[in-house]
Amino acid sequence: MMQRVWVVVLSVWAMLAIVAVLAWSSRPSASPPPTSGQVVVVKGTGGKQRLVVVKTAAHATTATSAAVRP
């Protein structure tokens, strides 16, 4: 009976060690690119063109396109 307990304890420690090695050896995910601006040409009064920088925030999502449900 006690032998089974030790086998279970050792197998749990072995599984945790394997998970720890896999987690430690995995590469970290890439960081998002720095936020940048988008240049837009705007026509003003008298037909003058101006460059305007619109700041955009980079974001990521894990959701894919939702399926249409009837």
C-alpha atoms as a PDB file:
ATOM      1  CA  MET A   1       0.000   0.000   0.000  1.00  0.00           C
ATOM      2  CA  MET A   2       2.740   2.470   0.936  1.00  0.00           C
ATOM      3  CA  GLN A   3       4.592   1.629  -2.258  1.00  0.00           C
ATOM      4  CA  ARG A   4       1.632   2.882  -4.334  1.00  0.00           C
ATOM      5  CA  VAL A   5       1.598   6.156  -2.420  1.00  0.00           C
ATOM      6  CA  TRP A   6       5.288   6.740  -3.189  1.00  0.00           C
ATOM      7  CA  VAL A   7       4.757   5.880  -6.855  1.00  0.00           C
ATOM      8  CA  VAL A   8       1.938   8.425  -7.068  1.00  0.00           C
ATOM      9  CA  VAL A   9       3.991  11.104  -5.281  1.00  0.00           C
ATOM     10  CA  LEU A  10       6.987  10.529  -7.550  1.00  0.00           C
ATOM     11  CA  SER A  11       4.857  10.545 -10.694  1.00  0.00           C
ATOM     12  CA  VAL A  12       3.225  13.846  -9.688  1.00  0.00           C
ATOM     13  CA  TRP A  13       6.662  15.412  -9.049  1.00  0.00           C
ATOM     14  CA  ALA A  14       7.915  14.100 -12.395  1.00  0.00           C
ATOM     15  CA  MET A  15       4.920  15.586 -14.200  1.00  0.00           C
ATOM     16  CA  LEU A  16       5.423  18.948 -12.465  1.00  0.00           C
ATOM     17  CA  ALA A  17       9.116  18.889 -13.391  1.00  0.00           C
ATOM     18  CA  ILE A  18       8.294  18.241 -17.049  1.00  0.00           C
ATOM     19  CA  VAL A  19       5.732  21.067 -17.099  1.00  0.00           C
ATOM     20  CA  ALA A  20       8.219  23.415 -15.432  1.00  0.00           C
ATOM     21  CA  VAL A  21      10.950  22.602 -17.966  1.00  0.00           C
ATOM     22  CA  LEU A  22       8.569  23.110 -20.882  1.00  0.00           C
ATOM     23  CA  ALA A  23       7.314  26.418 -19.473  1.00  0.00           C
ATOM     24  CA  TRP A  24      10.823  27.668 -18.754  1.00  0.00           C
ATOM     25  CA  SER A  25      12.189  26.711 -22.173  1.00  0.00           C
ATOM     26  CA  SER A  26       9.372  28.270 -24.204  1.00  0.00           C
ATOM     27  CA  ARG A  27      10.117  31.546 -25.959  1.00  0.00           C
ATOM     28  CA  PRO A  28       8.293  34.617 -24.681  1.00  0.00           C
ATOM     29  CA  SER A  29       5.660  36.080 -26.955  1.00  0.00           C
ATOM     30  CA  ALA A  30       6.639  39.023 -29.109  1.00  0.00           C
ATOM     31  CA  SER A  31       5.900  42.416 -27.650  1.00  0.00           C
ATOM     32  CA  PRO A  32       3.485  44.596 -29.590  1.00  0.00           C
ATOM     33  CA  PRO A  33       5.006  47.193 -31.892  1.00  0.00           C
ATOM     34  CA  PRO A  34       5.281  50.696 -30.485  1.00  0.00           C
ATOM     35  CA  THR A  35       2.296  52.910 -31.040  1.00  0.00           C
ATOM     36  CA  SER A  36       2.696  54.957 -34.140  1.00  0.00           C
ATOM     37  CA  GLY A  37       0.780  57.613 -35.926  1.00  0.00           C
ATOM     38  CA  GLN A  38      -0.897  57.637 -39.285  1.00  0.00           C
ATOM     39  CA  VAL A  39      -0.373  60.623 -41.561  1.00  0.00           C
ATOM     40  CA  VAL A  40      -3.534  61.918 -43.222  1.00  0.00           C
ATOM     41  CA  VAL A  41      -3.752  64.621 -45.874  1.00  0.00           C
ATOM     42  CA  VAL A  42      -6.527  67.095 -45.102  1.00  0.00           C
ATOM     43  CA  LYS A  43      -7.729  69.766 -47.510  1.00  0.00           C
ATOM     44  CA  GLY A  44      -8.366  73.058 -45.794  1.00  0.00           C
ATOM     45  CA  THR A  45      -9.916  76.291 -46.889  1.00  0.00           C
ATOM     46  CA  GLY A  46      -8.747  77.604 -50.218  1.00  0.00           C
ATOM     47  CA  GLY A  47      -7.642  74.144 -51.335  1.00  0.00           C
ATOM     48  CA  LYS A  48      -4.594  74.087 -49.061  1.00  0.00           C
ATOM     49  CA  GLN A  49      -3.419  70.646 -48.086  1.00  0.00           C
ATOM     50  CA  ARG A  50      -2.160  69.886 -44.602  1.00  0.00           C
ATOM     51  CA  LEU A  51      -0.596  66.805 -43.127  1.00  0.00           C
ATOM     52  CA  VAL A  52      -2.196  65.667 -39.888  1.00  0.00           C
ATOM     53  CA  VAL A  53      -0.760  62.909 -37.694  1.00  0.00           C
ATOM     54  CA  VAL A  54      -3.480  60.733 -36.178  1.00  0.00           C
ATOM     55  CA  LYS A  55      -2.221  58.693 -33.247  1.00  0.00           C
ATOM     56  CA  THR A  56      -3.425  55.119 -33.257  1.00  0.00           C
ATOM     57  CA  ALA A  57      -3.119  52.572 -30.480  1.00  0.00           C
ATOM     58  CA  ALA A  58      -2.023  49.080 -31.413  1.00  0.00           C
ATOM     59  CA  HIS A  59      -4.184  46.379 -29.919  1.00  0.00           C
ATOM     60  CA  ALA A  60      -4.538  42.660 -30.260  1.00  0.00           C
ATOM     61  CA  THR A  61      -7.507  40.426 -29.886  1.00  0.00           C
ATOM     62  CA  THR A  62      -7.903  36.729 -29.396  1.00  0.00           C
ATOM     63  CA  ALA A  63     -11.400  36.660 -30.830  1.00  0.00           C
ATOM     64  CA  THR A  64     -11.975  35.607 -34.421  1.00  0.00           C
ATOM     65  CA  SER A  65     -14.866  36.644 -36.570  1.00  0.00           C
ATOM     66  CA  ALA A  66     -18.121  35.637 -34.966  1.00  0.00           C
ATOM     67  CA  ALA A  67     -20.243  33.155 -36.826  1.00  0.00           C
ATOM     68  CA  VAL A  68     -23.708  34.348 -37.733  1.00  0.00           C
ATOM     69  CA  ARG A  69     -26.245  32.389 -35.734  1.00  0.00           C
ATOM     70  CA  PRO A  70     -29.765  32.078 -37.011  1.00  0.00           C
END
